């Protein structure tokens, strides 16, 4: 088993960054201080902003889940094993996407 300490450090830093972003997003989504504007155009703009925040929140939570799974795979010694076929995930792929759970071939099939 190779040492994945550098990947673990990167994942932990990314996890912290995402958790902070989720805290800020949550604050904006759930702790609105002022009521909606009386102006219809302003309301539309506020709703668009709200939808963007909700999408960012969802995306952040999904990425956080992938990072937590990758950290678990590091701890269990299966970090560089594809979750679909069991083959090795290339070092270059893990460097590019440190939370990936799939080798390149299986990732193409998952996205298809």
C-alpha atoms as a PDB file:
ATOM      1  CA  UNK A   1       0.000   0.000   0.000  1.00  0.00           C
ATOM      2  CA  UNK A   2       1.489   3.329  -0.991  1.00  0.00           C
ATOM      3  CA  UNK A   3       1.408   6.367   1.226  1.00  0.00           C
ATOM      4  CA  UNK A   4      -1.365   8.783   0.263  1.00  0.00           C
ATOM      5  CA  UNK A   5      -0.547  11.374   2.930  1.00  0.00           C
ATOM      6  CA  UNK A   6      -0.273  14.211   0.392  1.00  0.00           C
ATOM      7  CA  UNK A   7      -3.668  13.333  -1.103  1.00  0.00           C
ATOM      8  CA  UNK A   8      -5.141  13.130   2.392  1.00  0.00           C
ATOM      9  CA  UNK A   9      -3.779  16.588   3.240  1.00  0.00           C
ATOM     10  CA  UNK A  10      -5.219  18.040   0.021  1.00  0.00           C
ATOM     11  CA  UNK A  11      -8.585  16.418   0.669  1.00  0.00           C
ATOM     12  CA  UNK A  12      -8.703  17.685   4.251  1.00  0.00           C
ATOM     13  CA  UNK A  13      -7.893  21.224   3.096  1.00  0.00           C
ATOM     14  CA  UNK A  14     -10.564  21.032   0.387  1.00  0.00           C
ATOM     15  CA  UNK A  15     -13.035  19.630   2.934  1.00  0.00           C
ATOM     16  CA  UNK A  16     -12.404  22.572   5.249  1.00  0.00           C
ATOM     17  CA  UNK A  17     -12.837  25.028   2.361  1.00  0.00           C
ATOM     18  CA  UNK A  18     -16.141  23.451   1.303  1.00  0.00           C
ATOM     19  CA  UNK A  19     -17.454  23.297   4.869  1.00  0.00           C
ATOM     20  CA  UNK A  20     -16.767  27.022   5.269  1.00  0.00           C
ATOM     21  CA  UNK A  21     -18.480  27.771   1.949  1.00  0.00           C
ATOM     22  CA  UNK A  22     -21.480  25.670   3.029  1.00  0.00           C
ATOM     23  CA  UNK A  23     -21.704  27.595   6.309  1.00  0.00           C
ATOM     24  CA  UNK A  24     -21.791  30.895   4.398  1.00  0.00           C
ATOM     25  CA  UNK A  25     -24.291  29.545   1.859  1.00  0.00           C
ATOM     26  CA  UNK A  26     -26.503  28.169   4.624  1.00  0.00           C
ATOM     27  CA  UNK A  27     -26.453  31.546   6.349  1.00  0.00           C
ATOM     28  CA  UNK A  28     -27.672  33.236   3.166  1.00  0.00           C
ATOM     29  CA  UNK A  29     -30.316  30.596   2.431  1.00  0.00           C
ATOM     30  CA  UNK A  30     -31.805  30.115   5.881  1.00  0.00           C
ATOM     31  CA  UNK A  31     -31.142  33.325   7.750  1.00  0.00           C
ATOM     32  CA  UNK A  32     -32.627  35.997   5.554  1.00  0.00           C
ATOM     33  CA  UNK A  33     -32.917  39.210   7.529  1.00  0.00           C
ATOM     34  CA  UNK A  34     -34.935  41.378   5.199  1.00  0.00           C
ATOM     35  CA  UNK A  35     -38.256  40.555   3.484  1.00  0.00           C
ATOM     36  CA  UNK A  36     -38.564  40.292  -0.286  1.00  0.00           C
ATOM     37  CA  UNK A  37     -38.572  43.574  -2.121  1.00  0.00           C
ATOM     38  CA  UNK A  38     -41.918  45.089  -3.113  1.00  0.00           C
ATOM     39  CA  UNK A  39     -40.538  45.617  -6.625  1.00  0.00           C
ATOM     40  CA  UNK A  40     -41.350  42.651  -8.901  1.00  0.00           C
ATOM     41  CA  UNK A  41     -38.090  42.882 -10.895  1.00  0.00           C
ATOM     42  CA  UNK A  42     -36.108  42.975  -7.658  1.00  0.00           C
ATOM     43  CA  UNK A  43     -38.057  39.962  -6.360  1.00  0.00           C
ATOM     44  CA  UNK A  44     -37.208  38.053  -9.547  1.00  0.00           C
ATOM     45  CA  UNK A  45     -33.544  38.900  -9.099  1.00  0.00           C
ATOM     46  CA  UNK A  46     -33.629  37.829  -5.443  1.00  0.00           C
ATOM     47  CA  UNK A  47     -35.268  34.524  -6.389  1.00  0.00           C
ATOM     48  CA  UNK A  48     -32.615  33.874  -9.051  1.00  0.00           C
ATOM     49  CA  UNK A  49     -29.921  34.547  -6.456  1.00  0.00           C
ATOM     50  CA  UNK A  50     -31.678  32.184  -4.049  1.00  0.00           C
ATOM     51  CA  UNK A  51     -31.784  29.440  -6.709  1.00  0.00           C
ATOM     52  CA  UNK A  52     -28.053  29.881  -7.361  1.00  0.00           C
ATOM     53  CA  UNK A  53     -27.345  29.608  -3.632  1.00  0.00           C
ATOM     54  CA  UNK A  54     -29.420  26.429  -3.381  1.00  0.00           C
ATOM     55  CA  UNK A  55     -27.562  24.924  -6.366  1.00  0.00           C
ATOM     56  CA  UNK A  56     -24.187  25.852  -4.844  1.00  0.00           C
ATOM     57  CA  UNK A  57     -25.254  24.333  -1.536  1.00  0.00           C
ATOM     58  CA  UNK A  58     -26.284  21.072  -3.212  1.00  0.00           C
ATOM     59  CA  UNK A  59     -23.071  20.924  -5.248  1.00  0.00           C
ATOM     60  CA  UNK A  60     -20.973  21.577  -2.139  1.00  0.00           C
ATOM     61  CA  UNK A  61     -22.707  18.845  -0.171  1.00  0.00           C
ATOM     62  CA  UNK A  62     -22.177  16.355  -3.010  1.00  0.00           C
ATOM     63  CA  UNK A  63     -18.478  17.253  -3.266  1.00  0.00           C
ATOM     64  CA  UNK A  64     -18.113  17.001   0.516  1.00  0.00           C
ATOM     65  CA  UNK A  65     -19.635  13.521   0.413  1.00  0.00           C
ATOM     66  CA  UNK A  66     -17.141  12.489  -2.299  1.00  0.00           C
ATOM     67  CA  UNK A  67     -14.248  13.865  -0.240  1.00  0.00           C
ATOM     68  CA  UNK A  68     -15.401  12.020   2.889  1.00  0.00           C
ATOM     69  CA  UNK A  69     -15.668   8.809   0.864  1.00  0.00           C
ATOM     70  CA  UNK A  70     -12.147   9.335  -0.511  1.00  0.00           C
ATOM     71  CA  UNK A  71     -10.799   9.910   3.007  1.00  0.00           C
ATOM     72  CA  UNK A  72     -12.462   6.677   4.129  1.00  0.00           C
ATOM     73  CA  UNK A  73     -10.903   4.868   1.163  1.00  0.00           C
ATOM     74  CA  UNK A  74      -7.467   6.218   2.141  1.00  0.00           C
ATOM     75  CA  UNK A  75      -7.919   4.965   5.706  1.00  0.00           C
ATOM     76  CA  UNK A  76      -9.064   1.541   4.507  1.00  0.00           C
ATOM     77  CA  UNK A  77      -6.200   1.214   2.009  1.00  0.00           C
ATOM     78  CA  UNK A  78      -8.435   1.252  -1.081  1.00  0.00           C
ATOM     79  CA  UNK A  79      -7.876   4.843  -2.212  1.00  0.00           C
ATOM     80  CA  UNK A  80      -6.388   3.998  -5.603  1.00  0.00           C
ATOM     81  CA  UNK A  81      -8.806   1.149  -6.366  1.00  0.00           C
ATOM     82  CA  UNK A  82     -11.737   1.798  -8.700  1.00  0.00           C
ATOM     83  CA  UNK A  83     -15.040   1.373  -6.860  1.00  0.00           C
ATOM     84  CA  UNK A  84     -16.639  -0.133  -9.961  1.00  0.00           C
ATOM     85  CA  UNK A  85     -14.091  -2.580 -11.366  1.00  0.00           C
ATOM     86  CA  UNK A  86     -11.343  -2.789  -8.727  1.00  0.00           C
ATOM     87  CA  UNK A  87      -8.572  -1.739 -11.123  1.00  0.00           C
ATOM     88  CA  UNK A  88      -6.003   0.818 -10.076  1.00  0.00           C
ATOM     89  CA  UNK A  89      -6.905   4.469 -10.542  1.00  0.00           C
ATOM     90  CA  UNK A  90      -3.941   6.165 -12.168  1.00  0.00           C
ATOM     91  CA  UNK A  91      -1.837   8.520 -10.072  1.00  0.00           C
ATOM     92  CA  UNK A  92      -2.393  11.283 -12.649  1.00  0.00           C
ATOM     93  CA  UNK A  93      -6.168  10.900 -12.341  1.00  0.00           C
ATOM     94  CA  UNK A  94      -6.015  11.016  -8.537  1.00  0.00           C
ATOM     95  CA  UNK A  95      -3.820  14.113  -8.730  1.00  0.00           C
ATOM     96  CA  UNK A  96      -6.359  15.788 -11.038  1.00  0.00           C
ATOM     97  CA  UNK A  97      -9.461  14.650  -9.113  1.00  0.00           C
ATOM     98  CA  UNK A  98      -8.324  13.511  -5.660  1.00  0.00           C
ATOM     99  CA  UNK A  99     -11.829  12.435  -4.599  1.00  0.00           C
ATOM    100  CA  UNK A 100     -12.574  10.304  -7.655  1.00  0.00           C
ATOM    101  CA  UNK A 101     -13.737   6.765  -6.951  1.00  0.00           C
ATOM    102  CA  UNK A 102     -13.434   5.538 -10.536  1.00  0.00           C
ATOM    103  CA  UNK A 103     -10.729   4.716 -13.035  1.00  0.00           C
ATOM    104  CA  UNK A 104     -10.983   6.611 -16.309  1.00  0.00           C
ATOM    105  CA  UNK A 105     -12.812   3.803 -18.145  1.00  0.00           C
ATOM    106  CA  UNK A 106     -15.444   3.390 -15.450  1.00  0.00           C
ATOM    107  CA  UNK A 107     -15.848   7.157 -15.035  1.00  0.00           C
ATOM    108  CA  UNK A 108     -16.705   7.381 -18.750  1.00  0.00           C
ATOM    109  CA  UNK A 109     -19.329   4.645 -18.281  1.00  0.00           C
ATOM    110  CA  UNK A 110     -20.812   6.288 -15.166  1.00  0.00           C
ATOM    111  CA  UNK A 111     -21.207   9.627 -16.988  1.00  0.00           C
ATOM    112  CA  UNK A 112     -22.679   8.062 -20.116  1.00  0.00           C
END
